[in-house]
Amino acid sequence: GHDINYLALTGILETMGPAGAPPLPPLNLVADFGGGSMLLVFGVMAA
């Protein structure tokens, strides 16, 4: 999967984009880096 797939599965992607148009992914900033690398660093520092 990729960023767009994980946003889709968590309900986030459905909220993004203009009305009457398909959902619009916010580049790959949210799942890949915000929800991925940032969470990994946070988890490592906690451990």
PDB file of all heavy atoms in Angstrom:
ATOM      1  N   GLY A   1       0.826  -1.198   0.000  1.00  0.00           N
ATOM      2  CA  GLY A   1       0.000   0.000   0.000  1.00  0.00           C
ATOM      3  C   GLY A   1       0.853   1.238   0.000  1.00  0.00           C
ATOM      4  O   GLY A   1       2.079   1.180   0.154  1.00  0.00           O
ATOM      5  N   HIS A   2       0.202   2.365  -0.168  1.00  0.00           N
ATOM      6  CA  HIS A   2       0.884   3.652  -0.123  1.00  0.00           C
ATOM      7  C   HIS A   2       0.060   4.612   0.720  1.00  0.00           C
ATOM      8  O   HIS A   2      -1.033   4.282   1.195  1.00  0.00           O
ATOM      9  CB  HIS A   2       1.091   4.202  -1.537  1.00  0.00           C
ATOM     10  CG  HIS A   2       2.152   3.467  -2.304  1.00  0.00           C
ATOM     11  ND1 HIS A   2       3.490   3.582  -1.999  1.00  0.00           N
ATOM     12  CD2 HIS A   2       2.063   2.601  -3.351  1.00  0.00           C
ATOM     13  CE1 HIS A   2       4.191   2.822  -2.835  1.00  0.00           C
ATOM     14  NE2 HIS A   2       3.355   2.217  -3.651  1.00  0.00           N
ATOM     15  N   ASP A   3       0.574   5.816   0.891  1.00  0.00           N
ATOM     16  CA  ASP A   3      -0.069   6.841   1.699  1.00  0.00           C
ATOM     17  C   ASP A   3      -1.568   6.927   1.432  1.00  0.00           C
ATOM     18  O   ASP A   3      -2.388   6.932   2.358  1.00  0.00           O
ATOM     19  CB  ASP A   3       0.609   8.188   1.397  1.00  0.00           C
ATOM     20  CG  ASP A   3       0.171   9.309   2.328  1.00  0.00           C
ATOM     21  OD1 ASP A   3      -0.988   9.756   2.198  1.00  0.00           O
ATOM     22  OD2 ASP A   3       0.975   9.746   3.153  1.00  0.00           O
ATOM     23  N   ILE A   4      -1.936   6.981   0.171  1.00  0.00           N
ATOM     24  CA  ILE A   4      -3.342   7.152  -0.204  1.00  0.00           C
ATOM     25  C   ILE A   4      -4.205   6.001   0.315  1.00  0.00           C
ATOM     26  O   ILE A   4      -5.356   6.203   0.726  1.00  0.00           O
ATOM     27  CB  ILE A   4      -3.480   7.303  -1.736  1.00  0.00           C
ATOM     28  CG1 ILE A   4      -4.896   7.738  -2.100  1.00  0.00           C
ATOM     29  CG2 ILE A   4      -3.074   6.031  -2.457  1.00  0.00           C
ATOM     30  CD1 ILE A   4      -5.041   8.101  -3.572  1.00  0.00           C
ATOM     31  N   ASN A   5      -3.649   4.788   0.346  1.00  0.00           N
ATOM     32  CA  ASN A   5      -4.416   3.632   0.804  1.00  0.00           C
ATOM     33  C   ASN A   5      -4.676   3.688   2.305  1.00  0.00           C
ATOM     34  O   ASN A   5      -5.776   3.358   2.766  1.00  0.00           O
ATOM     35  CB  ASN A   5      -3.672   2.344   0.467  1.00  0.00           C
ATOM     36  CG  ASN A   5      -3.357   2.229  -1.012  1.00  0.00           C
ATOM     37  OD1 ASN A   5      -2.195   2.209  -1.396  1.00  0.00           O
ATOM     38  ND2 ASN A   5      -4.385   2.163  -1.851  1.00  0.00           N
ATOM     39  N   TYR A   6      -3.673   4.114   3.063  1.00  0.00           N
ATOM     40  CA  TYR A   6      -3.839   4.162   4.518  1.00  0.00           C
ATOM     41  C   TYR A   6      -4.764   5.306   4.932  1.00  0.00           C
ATOM     42  O   TYR A   6      -5.531   5.173   5.892  1.00  0.00           O
ATOM     43  CB  TYR A   6      -2.470   4.269   5.196  1.00  0.00           C
ATOM     44  CG  TYR A   6      -1.531   3.199   4.689  1.00  0.00           C
ATOM     45  CD1 TYR A   6      -0.282   3.502   4.182  1.00  0.00           C
ATOM     46  CD2 TYR A   6      -1.937   1.856   4.669  1.00  0.00           C
ATOM     47  CE1 TYR A   6       0.552   2.520   3.678  1.00  0.00           C
ATOM     48  CE2 TYR A   6      -1.116   0.867   4.157  1.00  0.00           C
ATOM     49  CZ  TYR A   6       0.134   1.204   3.666  1.00  0.00           C
ATOM     50  OH  TYR A   6       0.942   0.224   3.152  1.00  0.00           O
ATOM     51  N   LEU A   7      -4.726   6.406   4.188  1.00  0.00           N
ATOM     52  CA  LEU A   7      -5.683   7.481   4.444  1.00  0.00           C
ATOM     53  C   LEU A   7      -7.099   7.022   4.113  1.00  0.00           C
ATOM     54  O   LEU A   7      -8.062   7.368   4.800  1.00  0.00           O
ATOM     55  CB  LEU A   7      -5.344   8.714   3.620  1.00  0.00           C
ATOM     56  CG  LEU A   7      -4.061   9.466   3.975  1.00  0.00           C
ATOM     57  CD1 LEU A   7      -3.961  10.741   3.145  1.00  0.00           C
ATOM     58  CD2 LEU A   7      -4.008   9.799   5.447  1.00  0.00           C
ATOM     59  N   ALA A   8      -7.219   6.238   3.054  1.00  0.00           N
ATOM     60  CA  ALA A   8      -8.534   5.745   2.653  1.00  0.00           C
ATOM     61  C   ALA A   8      -9.124   4.823   3.717  1.00  0.00           C
ATOM     62  O   ALA A   8     -10.316   4.895   4.035  1.00  0.00           O
ATOM     63  CB  ALA A   8      -8.430   5.017   1.315  1.00  0.00           C
ATOM     64  N   LEU A   9      -8.296   3.947   4.280  1.00  0.00           N
ATOM     65  CA  LEU A   9      -8.781   2.954   5.230  1.00  0.00           C
ATOM     66  C   LEU A   9      -9.101   3.543   6.597  1.00  0.00           C
ATOM     67  O   LEU A   9      -9.854   2.940   7.370  1.00  0.00           O
ATOM     68  CB  LEU A   9      -7.741   1.835   5.384  1.00  0.00           C
ATOM     69  CG  LEU A   9      -7.593   0.922   4.163  1.00  0.00           C
ATOM     70  CD1 LEU A   9      -6.367   0.031   4.318  1.00  0.00           C
ATOM     71  CD2 LEU A   9      -8.850   0.070   3.975  1.00  0.00           C
ATOM     72  N   THR A  10      -8.518   4.678   6.936  1.00  0.00           N
ATOM     73  CA  THR A  10      -8.764   5.281   8.254  1.00  0.00           C
ATOM     74  C   THR A  10      -9.875   6.323   8.228  1.00  0.00           C
ATOM     75  O   THR A  10     -10.137   6.980   9.240  1.00  0.00           O
ATOM     76  CB  THR A  10      -7.472   5.931   8.793  1.00  0.00           C
ATOM     77  OG1 THR A  10      -6.916   6.789   7.792  1.00  0.00           O
ATOM     78  CG2 THR A  10      -6.457   4.882   9.184  1.00  0.00           C
ATOM     79  N   GLY A  11     -10.527   6.521   7.089  1.00  0.00           N
ATOM     80  CA  GLY A  11     -11.626   7.465   6.992  1.00  0.00           C
ATOM     81  C   GLY A  11     -11.201   8.894   6.717  1.00  0.00           C
ATOM     82  O   GLY A  11     -12.048   9.773   6.538  1.00  0.00           O
ATOM     83  N   ILE A  12      -9.897   9.143   6.664  1.00  0.00           N
ATOM     84  CA  ILE A  12      -9.407  10.508   6.508  1.00  0.00           C
ATOM     85  C   ILE A  12      -9.565  11.001   5.071  1.00  0.00           C
ATOM     86  O   ILE A  12     -10.004  12.133   4.831  1.00  0.00           O
ATOM     87  CB  ILE A  12      -7.931  10.600   6.939  1.00  0.00           C
ATOM     88  CG1 ILE A  12      -7.796  10.189   8.401  1.00  0.00           C
ATOM     89  CG2 ILE A  12      -7.387  12.005   6.727  1.00  0.00           C
ATOM     90  CD1 ILE A  12      -6.365  10.055   8.870  1.00  0.00           C
ATOM     91  N   LEU A  13      -9.219  10.157   4.122  1.00  0.00           N
ATOM     92  CA  LEU A  13      -9.250  10.589   2.725  1.00  0.00           C
ATOM     93  C   LEU A  13     -10.646  11.009   2.295  1.00  0.00           C
ATOM     94  O   LEU A  13     -10.815  11.944   1.497  1.00  0.00           O
ATOM     95  CB  LEU A  13      -8.724   9.470   1.820  1.00  0.00           C
ATOM     96  CG  LEU A  13      -8.592   9.810   0.338  1.00  0.00           C
ATOM     97  CD1 LEU A  13      -7.611  10.964   0.124  1.00  0.00           C
ATOM     98  CD2 LEU A  13      -8.147   8.585  -0.464  1.00  0.00           C
ATOM     99  N   GLU A  14     -11.658  10.357   2.828  1.00  0.00           N
ATOM    100  CA  GLU A  14     -13.035  10.654   2.433  1.00  0.00           C
ATOM    101  C   GLU A  14     -13.419  12.096   2.755  1.00  0.00           C
ATOM    102  O   GLU A  14     -14.305  12.658   2.122  1.00  0.00           O
ATOM    103  CB  GLU A  14     -13.987   9.685   3.144  1.00  0.00           C
ATOM    104  CG  GLU A  14     -15.389   9.630   2.556  1.00  0.00           C
ATOM    105  CD  GLU A  14     -16.282  10.744   3.101  1.00  0.00           C
ATOM    106  OE1 GLU A  14     -16.012  11.216   4.227  1.00  0.00           O
ATOM    107  OE2 GLU A  14     -17.244  11.133   2.406  1.00  0.00           O
ATOM    108  N   THR A  15     -12.720  12.702   3.707  1.00  0.00           N
ATOM    109  CA  THR A  15     -13.058  14.066   4.106  1.00  0.00           C
ATOM    110  C   THR A  15     -12.348  15.127   3.263  1.00  0.00           C
ATOM    111  O   THR A  15     -12.637  16.322   3.406  1.00  0.00           O
ATOM    112  CB  THR A  15     -12.672  14.310   5.579  1.00  0.00           C
ATOM    113  OG1 THR A  15     -11.238  14.321   5.701  1.00  0.00           O
ATOM    114  CG2 THR A  15     -13.244  13.229   6.479  1.00  0.00           C
ATOM    115  N   MET A  16     -11.424  14.717   2.403  1.00  0.00           N
ATOM    116  CA  MET A  16     -10.554  15.671   1.705  1.00  0.00           C
ATOM    117  C   MET A  16     -10.988  15.899   0.267  1.00  0.00           C
ATOM    118  O   MET A  16     -11.261  14.950  -0.468  1.00  0.00           O
ATOM    119  CB  MET A  16      -9.108  15.174   1.719  1.00  0.00           C
ATOM    120  CG  MET A  16      -8.512  15.082   3.105  1.00  0.00           C
ATOM    121  SD  MET A  16      -6.827  14.447   3.083  1.00  0.00           S
ATOM    122  CE  MET A  16      -6.344  14.720   4.792  1.00  0.00           C
ATOM    123  N   GLY A  17     -11.025  17.166  -0.127  1.00  0.00           N
ATOM    124  CA  GLY A  17     -11.389  17.497  -1.495  1.00  0.00           C
ATOM    125  C   GLY A  17     -12.685  18.276  -1.558  1.00  0.00           C
ATOM    126  O   GLY A  17     -13.442  18.355  -0.583  1.00  0.00           O
ATOM    127  N   PRO A  18     -12.974  18.842  -2.720  1.00  0.00           N
ATOM    128  CA  PRO A  18     -14.184  19.658  -2.872  1.00  0.00           C
ATOM    129  C   PRO A  18     -15.442  18.806  -2.949  1.00  0.00           C
ATOM    130  O   PRO A  18     -15.401  17.620  -3.295  1.00  0.00           O
ATOM    131  CB  PRO A  18     -13.935  20.397  -4.190  1.00  0.00           C
ATOM    132  CG  PRO A  18     -13.027  19.486  -4.964  1.00  0.00           C
ATOM    133  CD  PRO A  18     -12.136  18.845  -3.940  1.00  0.00           C
ATOM    134  N   ALA A  19     -16.550  19.416  -2.635  1.00  0.00           N
ATOM    135  CA  ALA A  19     -17.841  18.727  -2.733  1.00  0.00           C
ATOM    136  C   ALA A  19     -18.125  18.360  -4.180  1.00  0.00           C
ATOM    137  O   ALA A  19     -17.770  19.087  -5.110  1.00  0.00           O
ATOM    138  CB  ALA A  19     -18.940  19.630  -2.204  1.00  0.00           C
ATOM    139  N   GLY A  20     -18.736  17.204  -4.386  1.00  0.00           N
ATOM    140  CA  GLY A  20     -19.109  16.781  -5.730  1.00  0.00           C
ATOM    141  C   GLY A  20     -17.959  16.280  -6.568  1.00  0.00           C
ATOM    142  O   GLY A  20     -18.106  16.081  -7.784  1.00  0.00           O
ATOM    143  N   ALA A  21     -16.787  16.067  -5.962  1.00  0.00           N
ATOM    144  CA  ALA A  21     -15.614  15.584  -6.681  1.00  0.00           C
ATOM    145  C   ALA A  21     -14.983  14.444  -5.886  1.00  0.00           C
ATOM    146  O   ALA A  21     -15.268  14.279  -4.697  1.00  0.00           O
ATOM    147  CB  ALA A  21     -14.608  16.715  -6.894  1.00  0.00           C
ATOM    148  N   PRO A  22     -14.130  13.650  -6.518  1.00  0.00           N
ATOM    149  CA  PRO A  22     -13.477  12.557  -5.781  1.00  0.00           C
ATOM    150  C   PRO A  22     -12.585  13.087  -4.663  1.00  0.00           C
ATOM    151  O   PRO A  22     -12.086  14.210  -4.734  1.00  0.00           O
ATOM    152  CB  PRO A  22     -12.632  11.869  -6.869  1.00  0.00           C
ATOM    153  CG  PRO A  22     -13.259  12.260  -8.162  1.00  0.00           C
ATOM    154  CD  PRO A  22     -13.793  13.639  -7.956  1.00  0.00           C
ATOM    155  N   PRO A  23     -12.382  12.285  -3.613  1.00  0.00           N
ATOM    156  CA  PRO A  23     -11.453  12.697  -2.550  1.00  0.00           C
ATOM    157  C   PRO A  23     -10.074  12.998  -3.134  1.00  0.00           C
ATOM    158  O   PRO A  23      -9.631  12.350  -4.080  1.00  0.00           O
ATOM    159  CB  PRO A  23     -11.415  11.473  -1.630  1.00  0.00           C
ATOM    160  CG  PRO A  23     -12.714  10.778  -1.870  1.00  0.00           C
ATOM    161  CD  PRO A  23     -13.017  10.980  -3.330  1.00  0.00           C
ATOM    162  N   LEU A  24      -9.400  13.969  -2.528  1.00  0.00           N
ATOM    163  CA  LEU A  24      -8.129  14.448  -3.070  1.00  0.00           C
ATOM    164  C   LEU A  24      -7.014  14.192  -2.057  1.00  0.00           C
ATOM    165  O   LEU A  24      -7.029  14.743  -0.957  1.00  0.00           O
ATOM    166  CB  LEU A  24      -8.225  15.940  -3.370  1.00  0.00           C
ATOM    167  CG  LEU A  24      -7.073  16.597  -4.121  1.00  0.00           C
ATOM    168  CD1 LEU A  24      -6.953  16.009  -5.532  1.00  0.00           C
ATOM    169  CD2 LEU A  24      -7.292  18.102  -4.209  1.00  0.00           C
ATOM    170  N   PRO A  25      -6.008  13.366  -2.386  1.00  0.00           N
ATOM    171  CA  PRO A  25      -4.939  13.070  -1.421  1.00  0.00           C
ATOM    172  C   PRO A  25      -4.025  14.271  -1.210  1.00  0.00           C
ATOM    173  O   PRO A  25      -3.702  14.985  -2.156  1.00  0.00           O
ATOM    174  CB  PRO A  25      -4.176  11.919  -2.086  1.00  0.00           C
ATOM    175  CG  PRO A  25      -4.444  12.075  -3.543  1.00  0.00           C
ATOM    176  CD  PRO A  25      -5.835  12.620  -3.658  1.00  0.00           C
ATOM    177  N   PRO A  26      -3.597  14.519   0.034  1.00  0.00           N
ATOM    178  CA  PRO A  26      -2.722  15.656   0.360  1.00  0.00           C
ATOM    179  C   PRO A  26      -1.250  15.304   0.168  1.00  0.00           C
ATOM    180  O   PRO A  26      -0.489  15.205   1.124  1.00  0.00           O
ATOM    181  CB  PRO A  26      -3.039  15.916   1.830  1.00  0.00           C
ATOM    182  CG  PRO A  26      -3.339  14.548   2.352  1.00  0.00           C
ATOM    183  CD  PRO A  26      -4.015  13.793   1.241  1.00  0.00           C
ATOM    184  N   LEU A  27      -0.836  15.115  -1.095  1.00  0.00           N
ATOM    185  CA  LEU A  27       0.507  14.604  -1.389  1.00  0.00           C
ATOM    186  C   LEU A  27       0.678  13.298  -0.611  1.00  0.00           C
ATOM    187  O   LEU A  27      -0.261  12.542  -0.468  1.00  0.00           O
ATOM    188  CB  LEU A  27       1.563  15.646  -1.028  1.00  0.00           C
ATOM    189  CG  LEU A  27       1.397  17.034  -1.688  1.00  0.00           C
ATOM    190  CD1 LEU A  27       2.505  17.983  -1.243  1.00  0.00           C
ATOM    191  CD2 LEU A  27       1.379  16.918  -3.206  1.00  0.00           C
ATOM    192  N   ASN A  28       1.886  13.025  -0.101  1.00  0.00           N
ATOM    193  CA  ASN A  28       2.042  11.834   0.756  1.00  0.00           C
ATOM    194  C   ASN A  28       2.542  12.258   2.138  1.00  0.00           C
ATOM    195  O   ASN A  28       3.293  11.545   2.795  1.00  0.00           O
ATOM    196  CB  ASN A  28       3.000  10.823   0.121  1.00  0.00           C
ATOM    197  CG  ASN A  28       4.432  11.336   0.055  1.00  0.00           C
ATOM    198  OD1 ASN A  28       4.667  12.536  -0.079  1.00  0.00           O
ATOM    199  ND2 ASN A  28       5.400  10.445   0.112  1.00  0.00           N
ATOM    200  N   LEU A  29       2.085  13.420   2.571  1.00  0.00           N
ATOM    201  CA  LEU A  29       2.581  13.976   3.823  1.00  0.00           C
ATOM    202  C   LEU A  29       1.940  13.378   5.063  1.00  0.00           C
ATOM    203  O   LEU A  29       2.551  13.345   6.128  1.00  0.00           O
ATOM    204  CB  LEU A  29       2.359  15.504   3.828  1.00  0.00           C
ATOM    205  CG  LEU A  29       3.087  16.304   2.749  1.00  0.00           C
ATOM    206  CD1 LEU A  29       2.695  17.771   2.834  1.00  0.00           C
ATOM    207  CD2 LEU A  29       4.589  16.140   2.888  1.00  0.00           C
ATOM    208  N   VAL A  30       0.710  12.907   4.949  1.00  0.00           N
ATOM    209  CA  VAL A  30      -0.035  12.531   6.145  1.00  0.00           C
ATOM    210  C   VAL A  30       0.320  11.124   6.625  1.00  0.00           C
ATOM    211  O   VAL A  30       0.787  10.939   7.756  1.00  0.00           O
ATOM    212  CB  VAL A  30      -1.552  12.648   5.908  1.00  0.00           C
ATOM    213  CG1 VAL A  30      -2.323  12.212   7.154  1.00  0.00           C
ATOM    214  CG2 VAL A  30      -1.915  14.089   5.551  1.00  0.00           C
ATOM    215  N   ALA A  31       0.101  10.110   5.815  1.00  0.00           N
ATOM    216  CA  ALA A  31       0.361   8.739   6.264  1.00  0.00           C
ATOM    217  C   ALA A  31       1.843   8.399   6.234  1.00  0.00           C
ATOM    218  O   ALA A  31       2.380   7.841   7.190  1.00  0.00           O
ATOM    219  CB  ALA A  31      -0.425   7.751   5.401  1.00  0.00           C
ATOM    220  N   ASP A  32       2.529   8.719   5.160  1.00  0.00           N
ATOM    221  CA  ASP A  32       3.945   8.363   5.048  1.00  0.00           C
ATOM    222  C   ASP A  32       4.791   9.041   6.118  1.00  0.00           C
ATOM    223  O   ASP A  32       5.555   8.384   6.830  1.00  0.00           O
ATOM    224  CB  ASP A  32       4.488   8.764   3.676  1.00  0.00           C
ATOM    225  CG  ASP A  32       4.232   7.706   2.610  1.00  0.00           C
ATOM    226  OD1 ASP A  32       3.690   6.643   2.953  1.00  0.00           O
ATOM    227  OD2 ASP A  32       4.573   7.944   1.448  1.00  0.00           O
ATOM    228  N   PHE A  33       4.685  10.358   6.208  1.00  0.00           N
ATOM    229  CA  PHE A  33       5.589  11.100   7.071  1.00  0.00           C
ATOM    230  C   PHE A  33       4.966  11.501   8.406  1.00  0.00           C
ATOM    231  O   PHE A  33       5.573  11.293   9.459  1.00  0.00           O
ATOM    232  CB  PHE A  33       6.123  12.319   6.313  1.00  0.00           C
ATOM    233  CG  PHE A  33       6.920  11.939   5.099  1.00  0.00           C
ATOM    234  CD1 PHE A  33       6.408  12.116   3.823  1.00  0.00           C
ATOM    235  CD2 PHE A  33       8.172  11.365   5.226  1.00  0.00           C
ATOM    236  CE1 PHE A  33       7.132  11.735   2.698  1.00  0.00           C
ATOM    237  CE2 PHE A  33       8.916  10.984   4.116  1.00  0.00           C
ATOM    238  CZ  PHE A  33       8.389  11.168   2.851  1.00  0.00           C
ATOM    239  N   GLY A  34       3.773  12.065   8.399  1.00  0.00           N
ATOM    240  CA  GLY A  34       3.132  12.418   9.659  1.00  0.00           C
ATOM    241  C   GLY A  34       2.761  11.188  10.471  1.00  0.00           C
ATOM    242  O   GLY A  34       3.099  11.067  11.652  1.00  0.00           O
ATOM    243  N   GLY A  35       2.061  10.252   9.839  1.00  0.00           N
ATOM    244  CA  GLY A  35       1.622   9.054  10.546  1.00  0.00           C
ATOM    245  C   GLY A  35       2.631   7.932  10.525  1.00  0.00           C
ATOM    246  O   GLY A  35       2.473   6.941  11.239  1.00  0.00           O
ATOM    247  N   GLY A  36       3.695   8.066   9.715  1.00  0.00           N
ATOM    248  CA  GLY A  36       4.701   7.018   9.608  1.00  0.00           C
ATOM    249  C   GLY A  36       5.989   7.355  10.315  1.00  0.00           C
ATOM    250  O   GLY A  36       6.247   6.891  11.424  1.00  0.00           O
ATOM    251  N   SER A  37       6.822   8.180   9.681  1.00  0.00           N
ATOM    252  CA  SER A  37       8.140   8.452  10.255  1.00  0.00           C
ATOM    253  C   SER A  37       8.044   9.159  11.601  1.00  0.00           C
ATOM    254  O   SER A  37       8.805   8.857  12.527  1.00  0.00           O
ATOM    255  CB  SER A  37       8.982   9.275   9.277  1.00  0.00           C
ATOM    256  OG  SER A  37       8.374  10.508   8.969  1.00  0.00           O
ATOM    257  N   MET A  38       7.111  10.099  11.741  1.00  0.00           N
ATOM    258  CA  MET A  38       6.981  10.800  13.022  1.00  0.00           C
ATOM    259  C   MET A  38       6.561   9.841  14.137  1.00  0.00           C
ATOM    260  O   MET A  38       7.055   9.926  15.268  1.00  0.00           O
ATOM    261  CB  MET A  38       5.965  11.938  12.908  1.00  0.00           C
ATOM    262  CG  MET A  38       6.360  13.050  11.965  1.00  0.00           C
ATOM    263  SD  MET A  38       7.701  14.053  12.633  1.00  0.00           S
ATOM    264  CE  MET A  38       7.777  15.374  11.416  1.00  0.00           C
ATOM    265  N   LEU A  39       5.653   8.915  13.831  1.00  0.00           N
ATOM    266  CA  LEU A  39       5.221   7.943  14.836  1.00  0.00           C
ATOM    267  C   LEU A  39       6.370   6.999  15.191  1.00  0.00           C
ATOM    268  O   LEU A  39       6.538   6.638  16.365  1.00  0.00           O
ATOM    269  CB  LEU A  39       4.024   7.142  14.323  1.00  0.00           C
ATOM    270  CG  LEU A  39       3.393   6.181  15.338  1.00  0.00           C
ATOM    271  CD1 LEU A  39       2.687   6.961  16.438  1.00  0.00           C
ATOM    272  CD2 LEU A  39       2.428   5.222  14.664  1.00  0.00           C
ATOM    273  N   LEU A  40       7.165   6.615  14.195  1.00  0.00           N
ATOM    274  CA  LEU A  40       8.302   5.737  14.452  1.00  0.00           C
ATOM    275  C   LEU A  40       9.302   6.407  15.391  1.00  0.00           C
ATOM    276  O   LEU A  40       9.761   5.800  16.363  1.00  0.00           O
ATOM    277  CB  LEU A  40       8.978   5.358  13.138  1.00  0.00           C
ATOM    278  CG  LEU A  40      10.242   4.503  13.257  1.00  0.00           C
ATOM    279  CD1 LEU A  40       9.955   3.174  13.944  1.00  0.00           C
ATOM    280  CD2 LEU A  40      10.867   4.272  11.885  1.00  0.00           C
ATOM    281  N   VAL A  41       9.644   7.662  15.112  1.00  0.00           N
ATOM    282  CA  VAL A  41      10.581   8.373  15.972  1.00  0.00           C
ATOM    283  C   VAL A  41      10.019   8.512  17.384  1.00  0.00           C
ATOM    284  O   VAL A  41      10.729   8.308  18.379  1.00  0.00           O
ATOM    285  CB  VAL A  41      10.913   9.758  15.374  1.00  0.00           C
ATOM    286  CG1 VAL A  41      11.673  10.607  16.379  1.00  0.00           C
ATOM    287  CG2 VAL A  41      11.721   9.605  14.102  1.00  0.00           C
ATOM    288  N   PHE A  42       8.740   8.843  17.488  1.00  0.00           N
ATOM    289  CA  PHE A  42       8.105   8.979  18.804  1.00  0.00           C
ATOM    290  C   PHE A  42       8.168   7.653  19.565  1.00  0.00           C
ATOM    291  O   PHE A  42       8.494   7.621  20.757  1.00  0.00           O
ATOM    292  CB  PHE A  42       6.653   9.424  18.624  1.00  0.00           C
ATOM    293  CG  PHE A  42       5.864   9.515  19.894  1.00  0.00           C
ATOM    294  CD1 PHE A  42       6.112  10.531  20.805  1.00  0.00           C
ATOM    295  CD2 PHE A  42       4.879   8.587  20.184  1.00  0.00           C
ATOM    296  CE1 PHE A  42       5.386  10.619  21.990  1.00  0.00           C
ATOM    297  CE2 PHE A  42       4.149   8.663  21.365  1.00  0.00           C
ATOM    298  CZ  PHE A  42       4.409   9.683  22.280  1.00  0.00           C
ATOM    299  N   GLY A  43       7.865   6.554  18.877  1.00  0.00           N
ATOM    300  CA  GLY A  43       7.892   5.241  19.517  1.00  0.00           C
ATOM    301  C   GLY A  43       9.287   4.850  19.967  1.00  0.00           C
ATOM    302  O   GLY A  43       9.477   4.299  21.069  1.00  0.00           O
ATOM    303  N   VAL A  44      10.278   5.128  19.128  1.00  0.00           N
ATOM    304  CA  VAL A  44      11.665   4.799  19.474  1.00  0.00           C
ATOM    305  C   VAL A  44      12.111   5.592  20.696  1.00  0.00           C
ATOM    306  O   VAL A  44      12.730   5.045  21.622  1.00  0.00           O
ATOM    307  CB  VAL A  44      12.590   5.080  18.266  1.00  0.00           C
ATOM    308  CG1 VAL A  44      14.044   5.128  18.697  1.00  0.00           C
ATOM    309  CG2 VAL A  44      12.399   4.014  17.201  1.00  0.00           C
ATOM    310  N   MET A  45      11.795   6.891  20.731  1.00  0.00           N
ATOM    311  CA  MET A  45      12.211   7.706  21.874  1.00  0.00           C
ATOM    312  C   MET A  45      11.506   7.262  23.149  1.00  0.00           C
ATOM    313  O   MET A  45      12.095   7.280  24.245  1.00  0.00           O
ATOM    314  CB  MET A  45      11.951   9.183  21.595  1.00  0.00           C
ATOM    315  CG  MET A  45      12.706   9.744  20.387  1.00  0.00           C
ATOM    316  SD  MET A  45      14.468   9.332  20.363  1.00  0.00           S
ATOM    317  CE  MET A  45      15.046  10.176  21.833  1.00  0.00           C
ATOM    318  N   ALA A  46      10.241   6.842  23.036  1.00  0.00           N
ATOM    319  CA  ALA A  46       9.519   6.345  24.212  1.00  0.00           C
ATOM    320  C   ALA A  46      10.165   5.057  24.719  1.00  0.00           C
ATOM    321  O   ALA A  46      10.317   4.855  25.935  1.00  0.00           O
ATOM    322  CB  ALA A  46       8.053   6.109  23.871  1.00  0.00           C
ATOM    323  N   ALA A  47      10.557   4.180  23.797  1.00  0.00           N
ATOM    324  CA  ALA A  47      11.198   2.919  24.194  1.00  0.00           C
ATOM    325  C   ALA A  47      12.570   3.174  24.827  1.00  0.00           C
ATOM    326  O   ALA A  47      12.968   2.482  25.771  1.00  0.00           O
ATOM    327  CB  ALA A  47      11.330   2.003  22.985  1.00  0.00           C
TER     328      ALA A  47
END
